Amino acid sequence: MTEETRLNWSPTAKRLKFTAQYDPSIPEDQRFQQATPWGEFEMQVDNPAALAQLELGKSYYFDITPADVATQEGANPTQG
């Protein structure tokens, strides 16, 4: 996590920013750098328990997994 910003409208909410990190000694990082040389992810969190698990300056993996669309009658497939 490269940035942590407090938000004025909430005493507990923060905006968190993550950027892709590169360590040339790690083979996985070498593969990532070839395919995706730059990346950034930003989110707003208003959950103190979740925020306690994230530390400024620490590296994290992000897994992008497709969300299953509900098949119930009346479900909106554009929401997920």
PDB file of N, CA and C in Angstrom:
ATOM      1  N   MET A   1       0.868  -1.160   0.000  1.00  0.00           N
ATOM      2  CA  MET A   1       0.000   0.000   0.000  1.00  0.00           C
ATOM      3  C   MET A   1       0.914   1.222   0.000  1.00  0.00           C
ATOM      4  N   THR A   2       0.667   2.103  -0.948  1.00  0.00           N
ATOM      5  CA  THR A   2       1.543   3.259  -1.103  1.00  0.00           C
ATOM      6  C   THR A   2       0.958   4.559  -0.565  1.00  0.00           C
ATOM      7  N   GLU A   3      -0.364   4.604  -0.364  1.00  0.00           N
ATOM      8  CA  GLU A   3      -1.002   5.814   0.179  1.00  0.00           C
ATOM      9  C   GLU A   3      -2.174   5.436   1.056  1.00  0.00           C
ATOM     10  N   GLU A   4      -2.372   6.215   2.112  1.00  0.00           N
ATOM     11  CA  GLU A   4      -3.513   6.062   3.004  1.00  0.00           C
ATOM     12  C   GLU A   4      -4.003   7.471   3.325  1.00  0.00           C
ATOM     13  N   THR A   5      -5.232   7.790   2.916  1.00  0.00           N
ATOM     14  CA  THR A   5      -5.756   9.138   3.087  1.00  0.00           C
ATOM     15  C   THR A   5      -7.023   9.108   3.936  1.00  0.00           C
ATOM     16  N   ARG A   6      -7.041   9.887   5.004  1.00  0.00           N
ATOM     17  CA  ARG A   6      -8.262  10.028   5.804  1.00  0.00           C
ATOM     18  C   ARG A   6      -9.278  10.857   5.024  1.00  0.00           C
ATOM     19  N   LEU A   7     -10.546  10.530   5.185  1.00  0.00           N
ATOM     20  CA  LEU A   7     -11.612  11.243   4.493  1.00  0.00           C
ATOM     21  C   LEU A   7     -12.355  12.126   5.491  1.00  0.00           C
ATOM     22  N   ASN A   8     -12.598  13.366   5.104  1.00  0.00           N
ATOM     23  CA  ASN A   8     -13.212  14.347   6.003  1.00  0.00           C
ATOM     24  C   ASN A   8     -14.622  13.993   6.447  1.00  0.00           C
ATOM     25  N   TRP A   9     -15.363  13.305   5.620  1.00  0.00           N
ATOM     26  CA  TRP A   9     -16.766  13.055   5.923  1.00  0.00           C
ATOM     27  C   TRP A   9     -16.995  11.901   6.891  1.00  0.00           C
ATOM     28  N   SER A  10     -15.922  11.141   7.225  1.00  0.00           N
ATOM     29  CA  SER A  10     -16.097  10.010   8.140  1.00  0.00           C
ATOM     30  C   SER A  10     -14.868   9.874   9.034  1.00  0.00           C
ATOM     31  N   PRO A  11     -15.068   9.664  10.329  1.00  0.00           N
ATOM     32  CA  PRO A  11     -13.919   9.500  11.215  1.00  0.00           C
ATOM     33  C   PRO A  11     -13.205   8.159  11.037  1.00  0.00           C
ATOM     34  N   THR A  12     -13.851   7.205  10.356  1.00  0.00           N
ATOM     35  CA  THR A  12     -13.252   5.875  10.208  1.00  0.00           C
ATOM     36  C   THR A  12     -12.865   5.521   8.782  1.00  0.00           C
ATOM     37  N   ALA A  13     -13.369   6.245   7.786  1.00  0.00           N
ATOM     38  CA  ALA A  13     -13.106   5.896   6.385  1.00  0.00           C
ATOM     39  C   ALA A  13     -11.731   6.382   5.934  1.00  0.00           C
ATOM     40  N   LYS A  14     -11.121   5.586   5.051  1.00  0.00           N
ATOM     41  CA  LYS A  14      -9.845   5.961   4.449  1.00  0.00           C
ATOM     42  C   LYS A  14      -9.847   5.549   2.981  1.00  0.00           C
ATOM     43  N   ARG A  15      -9.098   6.295   2.191  1.00  0.00           N
ATOM     44  CA  ARG A  15      -8.864   5.925   0.793  1.00  0.00           C
ATOM     45  C   ARG A  15      -7.489   5.266   0.762  1.00  0.00           C
ATOM     46  N   LEU A  16      -7.433   4.074   0.197  1.00  0.00           N
ATOM     47  CA  LEU A  16      -6.186   3.317   0.131  1.00  0.00           C
ATOM     48  C   LEU A  16      -5.747   3.189  -1.318  1.00  0.00           C
ATOM     49  N   LYS A  17      -4.463   3.353  -1.549  1.00  0.00           N
ATOM     50  CA  LYS A  17      -3.919   3.253  -2.902  1.00  0.00           C
ATOM     51  C   LYS A  17      -2.806   2.210  -2.914  1.00  0.00           C
ATOM     52  N   PHE A  18      -2.885   1.331  -3.882  1.00  0.00           N
ATOM     53  CA  PHE A  18      -1.901   0.279  -4.069  1.00  0.00           C
ATOM     54  C   PHE A  18      -1.306   0.424  -5.467  1.00  0.00           C
ATOM     55  N   THR A  19      -0.012   0.268  -5.593  1.00  0.00           N
ATOM     56  CA  THR A  19       0.637   0.303  -6.904  1.00  0.00           C
ATOM     57  C   THR A  19       1.451  -0.969  -7.074  1.00  0.00           C
ATOM     58  N   ALA A  20       1.629  -1.348  -8.335  1.00  0.00           N
ATOM     59  CA  ALA A  20       2.402  -2.550  -8.632  1.00  0.00           C
ATOM     60  C   ALA A  20       3.849  -2.345  -8.192  1.00  0.00           C
ATOM     61  N   GLN A  21       4.381  -3.329  -7.514  1.00  0.00           N
ATOM     62  CA  GLN A  21       5.767  -3.296  -7.047  1.00  0.00           C
ATOM     63  C   GLN A  21       6.573  -4.283  -7.875  1.00  0.00           C
ATOM     64  N   TYR A  22       7.838  -4.011  -8.051  1.00  0.00           N
ATOM     65  CA  TYR A  22       8.680  -4.872  -8.882  1.00  0.00           C
ATOM     66  C   TYR A  22       9.992  -5.158  -8.177  1.00  0.00           C
ATOM     67  N   ASP A  23      10.261  -6.433  -7.968  1.00  0.00           N
ATOM     68  CA  ASP A  23      11.540  -6.872  -7.409  1.00  0.00           C
ATOM     69  C   ASP A  23      12.173  -7.793  -8.451  1.00  0.00           C
ATOM     70  N   PRO A  24      13.233  -7.351  -9.126  1.00  0.00           N
ATOM     71  CA  PRO A  24      13.825  -8.147 -10.210  1.00  0.00           C
ATOM     72  C   PRO A  24      14.390  -9.493  -9.760  1.00  0.00           C
ATOM     73  N   SER A  25      14.519  -9.720  -8.455  1.00  0.00           N
ATOM     74  CA  SER A  25      15.038 -11.010  -7.989  1.00  0.00           C
ATOM     75  C   SER A  25      13.935 -12.062  -7.829  1.00  0.00           C
ATOM     76  N   ILE A  26      12.683 -11.668  -8.001  1.00  0.00           N
ATOM     77  CA  ILE A  26      11.553 -12.587  -7.832  1.00  0.00           C
ATOM     78  C   ILE A  26      11.013 -12.975  -9.211  1.00  0.00           C
ATOM     79  N   PRO A  27      11.063 -14.277  -9.578  1.00  0.00           N
ATOM     80  CA  PRO A  27      10.588 -14.711 -10.903  1.00  0.00           C
ATOM     81  C   PRO A  27       9.143 -14.299 -11.207  1.00  0.00           C
ATOM     82  N   GLU A  28       8.254 -14.374 -10.216  1.00  0.00           N
ATOM     83  CA  GLU A  28       6.863 -13.977 -10.443  1.00  0.00           C
ATOM     84  C   GLU A  28       6.781 -12.500 -10.833  1.00  0.00           C
ATOM     85  N   ASP A  29       7.569 -11.662 -10.187  1.00  0.00           N
ATOM     86  CA  ASP A  29       7.593 -10.236 -10.530  1.00  0.00           C
ATOM     87  C   ASP A  29       8.132 -10.025 -11.946  1.00  0.00           C
ATOM     88  N   GLN A  30       9.115 -10.808 -12.355  1.00  0.00           N
ATOM     89  CA  GLN A  30       9.653 -10.705 -13.708  1.00  0.00           C
ATOM     90  C   GLN A  30       8.577 -11.016 -14.745  1.00  0.00           C
ATOM     91  N   ARG A  31       7.770 -12.064 -14.498  1.00  0.00           N
ATOM     92  CA  ARG A  31       6.685 -12.415 -15.431  1.00  0.00           C
ATOM     93  C   ARG A  31       5.624 -11.319 -15.468  1.00  0.00           C
ATOM     94  N   PHE A  32       5.246 -10.786 -14.307  1.00  0.00           N
ATOM     95  CA  PHE A  32       4.248  -9.725 -14.246  1.00  0.00           C
ATOM     96  C   PHE A  32       4.737  -8.495 -15.003  1.00  0.00           C
ATOM     97  N   GLN A  33       5.972  -8.117 -14.785  1.00  0.00           N
ATOM     98  CA  GLN A  33       6.528  -6.913 -15.402  1.00  0.00           C
ATOM     99  C   GLN A  33       6.511  -7.010 -16.924  1.00  0.00           C
ATOM    100  N   GLN A  34       6.724  -8.201 -17.458  1.00  0.00           N
ATOM    101  CA  GLN A  34       6.691  -8.371 -18.909  1.00  0.00           C
ATOM    102  C   GLN A  34       5.286  -8.148 -19.457  1.00  0.00           C
ATOM    103  N   ALA A  35       4.273  -8.639 -18.766  1.00  0.00           N
ATOM    104  CA  ALA A  35       2.898  -8.569 -19.266  1.00  0.00           C
ATOM    105  C   ALA A  35       2.183  -7.294 -18.847  1.00  0.00           C
ATOM    106  N   THR A  36       2.454  -6.804 -17.659  1.00  0.00           N
ATOM    107  CA  THR A  36       1.760  -5.643 -17.106  1.00  0.00           C
ATOM    108  C   THR A  36       2.775  -4.782 -16.373  1.00  0.00           C
ATOM    109  N   PRO A  37       3.475  -3.918 -17.082  1.00  0.00           N
ATOM    110  CA  PRO A  37       4.560  -3.177 -16.444  1.00  0.00           C
ATOM    111  C   PRO A  37       4.117  -2.094 -15.461  1.00  0.00           C
ATOM    112  N   TRP A  38       2.831  -1.794 -15.391  1.00  0.00           N
ATOM    113  CA  TRP A  38       2.359  -0.740 -14.506  1.00  0.00           C
ATOM    114  C   TRP A  38       0.971  -1.088 -14.023  1.00  0.00           C
ATOM    115  N   GLY A  39       0.644  -0.749 -12.795  1.00  0.00           N
ATOM    116  CA  GLY A  39      -0.691  -0.991 -12.285  1.00  0.00           C
ATOM    117  C   GLY A  39      -0.965  -0.183 -11.042  1.00  0.00           C
ATOM    118  N   GLU A  40      -2.248   0.136 -10.839  1.00  0.00           N
ATOM    119  CA  GLU A  40      -2.658   0.932  -9.684  1.00  0.00           C
ATOM    120  C   GLU A  40      -4.073   0.519  -9.301  1.00  0.00           C
ATOM    121  N   PHE A  41      -4.335   0.425  -8.015  1.00  0.00           N
ATOM    122  CA  PHE A  41      -5.661   0.090  -7.508  1.00  0.00           C
ATOM    123  C   PHE A  41      -5.946   1.011  -6.333  1.00  0.00           C
ATOM    124  N   GLU A  42      -7.138   1.601  -6.334  1.00  0.00           N
ATOM    125  CA  GLU A  42      -7.516   2.526  -5.267  1.00  0.00           C
ATOM    126  C   GLU A  42      -8.900   2.148  -4.776  1.00  0.00           C
ATOM    127  N   MET A  43      -9.083   2.175  -3.451  1.00  0.00           N
ATOM    128  CA  MET A  43     -10.398   1.860  -2.899  1.00  0.00           C
ATOM    129  C   MET A  43     -10.637   2.668  -1.631  1.00  0.00           C
ATOM    130  N   GLN A  44     -11.896   2.804  -1.301  1.00  0.00           N
ATOM    131  CA  GLN A  44     -12.309   3.487  -0.078  1.00  0.00           C
ATOM    132  C   GLN A  44     -12.797   2.418   0.887  1.00  0.00           C
ATOM    133  N   VAL A  45     -12.340   2.473   2.112  1.00  0.00           N
ATOM    134  CA  VAL A  45     -12.720   1.485   3.119  1.00  0.00           C
ATOM    135  C   VAL A  45     -13.246   2.215   4.349  1.00  0.00           C
ATOM    136  N   ASP A  46     -14.430   1.819   4.804  1.00  0.00           N
ATOM    137  CA  ASP A  46     -15.010   2.389   6.018  1.00  0.00           C
ATOM    138  C   ASP A  46     -15.355   1.242   6.968  1.00  0.00           C
ATOM    139  N   ASN A  47     -14.356   0.412   7.230  1.00  0.00           N
ATOM    140  CA  ASN A  47     -14.511  -0.745   8.089  1.00  0.00           C
ATOM    141  C   ASN A  47     -13.234  -0.858   8.921  1.00  0.00           C
ATOM    142  N   PRO A  48     -13.266  -0.422  10.175  1.00  0.00           N
ATOM    143  CA  PRO A  48     -12.060  -0.425  11.001  1.00  0.00           C
ATOM    144  C   PRO A  48     -11.366  -1.789  11.098  1.00  0.00           C
ATOM    145  N   ALA A  49     -12.136  -2.870  11.153  1.00  0.00           N
ATOM    146  CA  ALA A  49     -11.533  -4.209  11.238  1.00  0.00           C
ATOM    147  C   ALA A  49     -10.750  -4.539   9.960  1.00  0.00           C
ATOM    148  N   ALA A  50     -11.275  -4.141   8.807  1.00  0.00           N
ATOM    149  CA  ALA A  50     -10.563  -4.370   7.543  1.00  0.00           C
ATOM    150  C   ALA A  50      -9.325  -3.491   7.455  1.00  0.00           C
ATOM    151  N   LEU A  51      -9.462  -2.234   7.862  1.00  0.00           N
ATOM    152  CA  LEU A  51      -8.319  -1.314   7.821  1.00  0.00           C
ATOM    153  C   LEU A  51      -7.180  -1.782   8.727  1.00  0.00           C
ATOM    154  N   ALA A  52      -7.504  -2.419   9.835  1.00  0.00           N
ATOM    155  CA  ALA A  52      -6.484  -2.891  10.771  1.00  0.00           C
ATOM    156  C   ALA A  52      -5.604  -3.974  10.156  1.00  0.00           C
ATOM    157  N   GLN A  53      -6.086  -4.617   9.100  1.00  0.00           N
ATOM    158  CA  GLN A  53      -5.333  -5.687   8.449  1.00  0.00           C
ATOM    159  C   GLN A  53      -4.404  -5.180   7.344  1.00  0.00           C
ATOM    160  N   LEU A  54      -4.499  -3.891   7.013  1.00  0.00           N
ATOM    161  CA  LEU A  54      -3.700  -3.323   5.925  1.00  0.00           C
ATOM    162  C   LEU A  54      -2.714  -2.311   6.489  1.00  0.00           C
ATOM    163  N   GLU A  55      -1.467  -2.415   6.049  1.00  0.00           N
ATOM    164  CA  GLU A  55      -0.412  -1.580   6.605  1.00  0.00           C
ATOM    165  C   GLU A  55       0.286  -0.790   5.498  1.00  0.00           C
ATOM    166  N   LEU A  56       0.404   0.498   5.694  1.00  0.00           N
ATOM    167  CA  LEU A  56       1.085   1.367   4.741  1.00  0.00           C
ATOM    168  C   LEU A  56       2.527   0.889   4.563  1.00  0.00           C
ATOM    169  N   GLY A  57       2.969   0.781   3.318  1.00  0.00           N
ATOM    170  CA  GLY A  57       4.328   0.349   3.015  1.00  0.00           C
ATOM    171  C   GLY A  57       4.473  -1.147   2.816  1.00  0.00           C
ATOM    172  N   LYS A  58       3.443  -1.915   3.124  1.00  0.00           N
ATOM    173  CA  LYS A  58       3.487  -3.362   2.968  1.00  0.00           C
ATOM    174  C   LYS A  58       2.934  -3.741   1.591  1.00  0.00           C
ATOM    175  N   SER A  59       3.434  -4.836   1.030  1.00  0.00           N
ATOM    176  CA  SER A  59       2.977  -5.305  -0.289  1.00  0.00           C
ATOM    177  C   SER A  59       1.885  -6.351  -0.122  1.00  0.00           C
ATOM    178  N   TYR A  60       0.940  -6.350  -1.057  1.00  0.00           N
ATOM    179  CA  TYR A  60      -0.183  -7.277  -1.036  1.00  0.00           C
ATOM    180  C   TYR A  60      -0.418  -7.826  -2.441  1.00  0.00           C
ATOM    181  N   TYR A  61      -0.933  -9.040  -2.530  1.00  0.00           N
ATOM    182  CA  TYR A  61      -1.383  -9.604  -3.800  1.00  0.00           C
ATOM    183  C   TYR A  61      -2.868  -9.278  -3.963  1.00  0.00           C
ATOM    184  N   PHE A  62      -3.274  -9.021  -5.192  1.00  0.00           N
ATOM    185  CA  PHE A  62      -4.680  -8.822  -5.504  1.00  0.00           C
ATOM    186  C   PHE A  62      -5.100  -9.893  -6.498  1.00  0.00           C
ATOM    187  N   ASP A  63      -6.151 -10.604  -6.165  1.00  0.00           N
ATOM    188  CA  ASP A  63      -6.671 -11.661  -7.015  1.00  0.00           C
ATOM    189  C   ASP A  63      -7.982 -11.184  -7.627  1.00  0.00           C
ATOM    190  N   ILE A  64      -8.046 -11.188  -8.934  1.00  0.00           N
ATOM    191  CA  ILE A  64      -9.280 -10.790  -9.613  1.00  0.00           C
ATOM    192  C   ILE A  64      -9.981 -12.069 -10.054  1.00  0.00           C
ATOM    193  N   THR A  65     -11.077 -12.364  -9.394  1.00  0.00           N
ATOM    194  CA  THR A  65     -11.845 -13.568  -9.657  1.00  0.00           C
ATOM    195  C   THR A  65     -13.242 -13.165 -10.101  1.00  0.00           C
ATOM    196  N   PRO A  66     -13.734 -13.728 -11.208  1.00  0.00           N
ATOM    197  CA  PRO A  66     -15.089 -13.368 -11.645  1.00  0.00           C
ATOM    198  C   PRO A  66     -16.131 -13.708 -10.576  1.00  0.00           C
ATOM    199  N   ALA A  67     -17.072 -12.829 -10.405  1.00  0.00           N
ATOM    200  CA  ALA A  67     -18.177 -13.071  -9.478  1.00  0.00           C
ATOM    201  C   ALA A  67     -19.278 -13.806 -10.228  1.00  0.00           C
ATOM    202  N   ASP A  68     -19.826 -14.847  -9.616  1.00  0.00           N
ATOM    203  CA  ASP A  68     -20.923 -15.578 -10.243  1.00  0.00           C
ATOM    204  C   ASP A  68     -22.172 -14.711 -10.233  1.00  0.00           C
ATOM    205  N   VAL A  69     -22.874 -14.719 -11.337  1.00  0.00           N
ATOM    206  CA  VAL A  69     -24.116 -13.959 -11.449  1.00  0.00           C
ATOM    207  C   VAL A  69     -25.239 -14.810 -10.878  1.00  0.00           C
ATOM    208  N   ALA A  70     -26.049 -14.206 -10.025  1.00  0.00           N
ATOM    209  CA  ALA A  70     -27.179 -14.927  -9.427  1.00  0.00           C
ATOM    210  C   ALA A  70     -28.128 -15.383 -10.524  1.00  0.00           C
ATOM    211  N   THR A  71     -28.624 -16.588 -10.397  1.00  0.00           N
ATOM    212  CA  THR A  71     -29.544 -17.124 -11.405  1.00  0.00           C
ATOM    213  C   THR A  71     -30.985 -17.096 -10.929  1.00  0.00           C
ATOM    214  N   GLN A  72     -31.235 -16.443  -9.801  1.00  0.00           N
ATOM    215  CA  GLN A  72     -32.581 -16.365  -9.271  1.00  0.00           C
ATOM    216  C   GLN A  72     -33.442 -15.485 -10.176  1.00  0.00           C
ATOM    217  N   GLU A  73     -34.706 -15.809 -10.229  1.00  0.00           N
ATOM    218  CA  GLU A  73     -35.648 -15.020 -11.020  1.00  0.00           C
ATOM    219  C   GLU A  73     -35.675 -13.593 -10.486  1.00  0.00           C
ATOM    220  N   GLY A  74     -35.563 -12.644 -11.385  1.00  0.00           N
ATOM    221  CA  GLY A  74     -35.594 -11.247 -11.010  1.00  0.00           C
ATOM    222  C   GLY A  74     -34.241 -10.669 -10.657  1.00  0.00           C
ATOM    223  N   ALA A  75     -33.201 -11.499 -10.658  1.00  0.00           N
ATOM    224  CA  ALA A  75     -31.863 -11.002 -10.328  1.00  0.00           C
ATOM    225  C   ALA A  75     -31.359 -10.117 -11.461  1.00  0.00           C
ATOM    226  N   ASN A  76     -30.648  -9.066 -11.125  1.00  0.00           N
ATOM    227  CA  ASN A  76     -30.093  -8.161 -12.113  1.00  0.00           C
ATOM    228  C   ASN A  76     -28.665  -8.603 -12.409  1.00  0.00           C
ATOM    229  N   PRO A  77     -28.382  -9.162 -13.606  1.00  0.00           N
ATOM    230  CA  PRO A  77     -27.051  -9.676 -13.907  1.00  0.00           C
ATOM    231  C   PRO A  77     -25.977  -8.576 -14.043  1.00  0.00           C
ATOM    232  N   THR A  78     -26.381  -7.310 -14.069  1.00  0.00           N
ATOM    233  CA  THR A  78     -25.385  -6.247 -14.179  1.00  0.00           C
ATOM    234  C   THR A  78     -24.869  -5.815 -12.823  1.00  0.00           C
ATOM    235  N   GLN A  79     -25.480  -6.303 -11.755  1.00  0.00           N
ATOM    236  CA  GLN A  79     -25.019  -5.962 -10.413  1.00  0.00           C
ATOM    237  C   GLN A  79     -24.253  -7.137  -9.840  1.00  0.00           C
ATOM    238  N   GLY A  80     -23.146  -6.869  -9.170  1.00  0.00           N
ATOM    239  CA  GLY A  80     -22.411  -7.980  -8.607  1.00  0.00           C
ATOM    240  C   GLY A  80     -21.511  -7.617  -7.592  1.00  0.00           C
TER     241      GLY A  80
END
